[in-house]
């Protein structure tokens, strides 16, 4: 698995002419519809919670449920 650089600075987000623009590290520069931005924000929130849990639990021996 390739190691990507992990950035600690958040992206800048602006509403411009009915679109949402995101400028971030590593030359991230995108524009999306408000609807796409809303869905993206929900996905980011869900996955950030998951990633925090992974980071918190990575050094603890545990087993997942075998459902």
C-alpha atoms as a PDB file:
ATOM      1  CA  UNK A   1       0.000   0.000   0.000  1.00  0.00           C
ATOM      2  CA  UNK A   2       1.369   3.400  -0.963  1.00  0.00           C
ATOM      3  CA  UNK A   3       1.923   5.783   1.909  1.00  0.00           C
ATOM      4  CA  UNK A   4       0.268   9.124   1.293  1.00  0.00           C
ATOM      5  CA  UNK A   5       1.225  12.262   3.077  1.00  0.00           C
ATOM      6  CA  UNK A   6      -1.275  13.002   5.825  1.00  0.00           C
ATOM      7  CA  UNK A   7      -2.065  16.684   6.230  1.00  0.00           C
ATOM      8  CA  UNK A   8      -3.127  18.287   9.485  1.00  0.00           C
ATOM      9  CA  UNK A   9      -4.320  21.579   7.998  1.00  0.00           C
ATOM     10  CA  UNK A  10      -7.962  21.745   6.905  1.00  0.00           C
ATOM     11  CA  UNK A  11      -8.967  22.827   3.419  1.00  0.00           C
ATOM     12  CA  UNK A  12     -10.374  26.272   2.688  1.00  0.00           C
ATOM     13  CA  UNK A  13     -13.996  26.203   1.504  1.00  0.00           C
ATOM     14  CA  UNK A  14     -15.893  29.048  -0.200  1.00  0.00           C
ATOM     15  CA  UNK A  15     -19.250  29.594  -1.881  1.00  0.00           C
ATOM     16  CA  UNK A  16     -18.618  31.299  -5.227  1.00  0.00           C
ATOM     17  CA  UNK A  17     -21.302  31.986  -7.851  1.00  0.00           C
ATOM     18  CA  UNK A  18     -23.533  29.112  -6.714  1.00  0.00           C
ATOM     19  CA  UNK A  19     -20.732  26.562  -6.445  1.00  0.00           C
ATOM     20  CA  UNK A  20     -18.633  25.355  -3.528  1.00  0.00           C
ATOM     21  CA  UNK A  21     -14.886  25.694  -4.017  1.00  0.00           C
ATOM     22  CA  UNK A  22     -12.369  23.698  -2.011  1.00  0.00           C
ATOM     23  CA  UNK A  23      -8.689  24.657  -1.871  1.00  0.00           C
ATOM     24  CA  UNK A  24      -6.451  22.399   0.120  1.00  0.00           C
ATOM     25  CA  UNK A  25      -3.001  20.964   0.533  1.00  0.00           C
ATOM     26  CA  UNK A  26      -1.173  19.201  -2.291  1.00  0.00           C
ATOM     27  CA  UNK A  27      -2.792  21.418  -4.947  1.00  0.00           C
ATOM     28  CA  UNK A  28      -6.363  20.345  -4.187  1.00  0.00           C
ATOM     29  CA  UNK A  29      -8.552  22.793  -6.107  1.00  0.00           C
ATOM     30  CA  UNK A  30     -12.076  21.655  -6.909  1.00  0.00           C
ATOM     31  CA  UNK A  31     -15.525  23.156  -7.408  1.00  0.00           C
ATOM     32  CA  UNK A  32     -18.773  21.258  -6.938  1.00  0.00           C
ATOM     33  CA  UNK A  33     -22.487  21.811  -6.803  1.00  0.00           C
ATOM     34  CA  UNK A  34     -24.024  22.585  -3.420  1.00  0.00           C
ATOM     35  CA  UNK A  35     -25.680  19.154  -3.467  1.00  0.00           C
ATOM     36  CA  UNK A  36     -22.389  17.371  -4.125  1.00  0.00           C
ATOM     37  CA  UNK A  37     -20.715  19.440  -1.403  1.00  0.00           C
ATOM     38  CA  UNK A  38     -23.419  18.492   1.118  1.00  0.00           C
ATOM     39  CA  UNK A  39     -23.068  14.783   0.329  1.00  0.00           C
ATOM     40  CA  UNK A  40     -19.274  15.057   0.464  1.00  0.00           C
ATOM     41  CA  UNK A  41     -19.440  16.781   3.849  1.00  0.00           C
ATOM     42  CA  UNK A  42     -21.613  13.968   5.227  1.00  0.00           C
ATOM     43  CA  UNK A  43     -19.213  11.345   3.897  1.00  0.00           C
ATOM     44  CA  UNK A  44     -16.231  13.231   5.350  1.00  0.00           C
ATOM     45  CA  UNK A  45     -17.923  13.451   8.749  1.00  0.00           C
ATOM     46  CA  UNK A  46     -18.781   9.720   8.748  1.00  0.00           C
ATOM     47  CA  UNK A  47     -15.304   8.631   7.721  1.00  0.00           C
ATOM     48  CA  UNK A  48     -13.530  11.049  10.067  1.00  0.00           C
ATOM     49  CA  UNK A  49     -15.384   9.479  12.994  1.00  0.00           C
ATOM     50  CA  UNK A  50     -14.373   6.018  11.749  1.00  0.00           C
ATOM     51  CA  UNK A  51     -10.730   7.104  11.318  1.00  0.00           C
ATOM     52  CA  UNK A  52     -10.596   8.571  14.839  1.00  0.00           C
ATOM     53  CA  UNK A  53     -11.816   5.249  16.203  1.00  0.00           C
ATOM     54  CA  UNK A  54      -9.236   3.342  14.169  1.00  0.00           C
ATOM     55  CA  UNK A  55      -6.468   5.621  15.395  1.00  0.00           C
ATOM     56  CA  UNK A  56      -7.619   5.331  18.996  1.00  0.00           C
ATOM     57  CA  UNK A  57      -7.885   1.524  18.914  1.00  0.00           C
ATOM     58  CA  UNK A  58      -4.868   0.635  16.759  1.00  0.00           C
ATOM     59  CA  UNK A  59      -2.625  -0.223  19.722  1.00  0.00           C
ATOM     60  CA  UNK A  60      -5.221  -2.259  21.618  1.00  0.00           C
ATOM     61  CA  UNK A  61      -5.616  -5.971  20.981  1.00  0.00           C
ATOM     62  CA  UNK A  62      -9.226  -6.632  20.142  1.00  0.00           C
ATOM     63  CA  UNK A  63     -11.371  -8.820  17.978  1.00  0.00           C
ATOM     64  CA  UNK A  64     -14.232  -7.786  15.816  1.00  0.00           C
ATOM     65  CA  UNK A  65     -17.542  -9.556  16.071  1.00  0.00           C
ATOM     66  CA  UNK A  66     -17.897 -12.621  13.881  1.00  0.00           C
ATOM     67  CA  UNK A  67     -21.413 -11.814  12.639  1.00  0.00           C
END
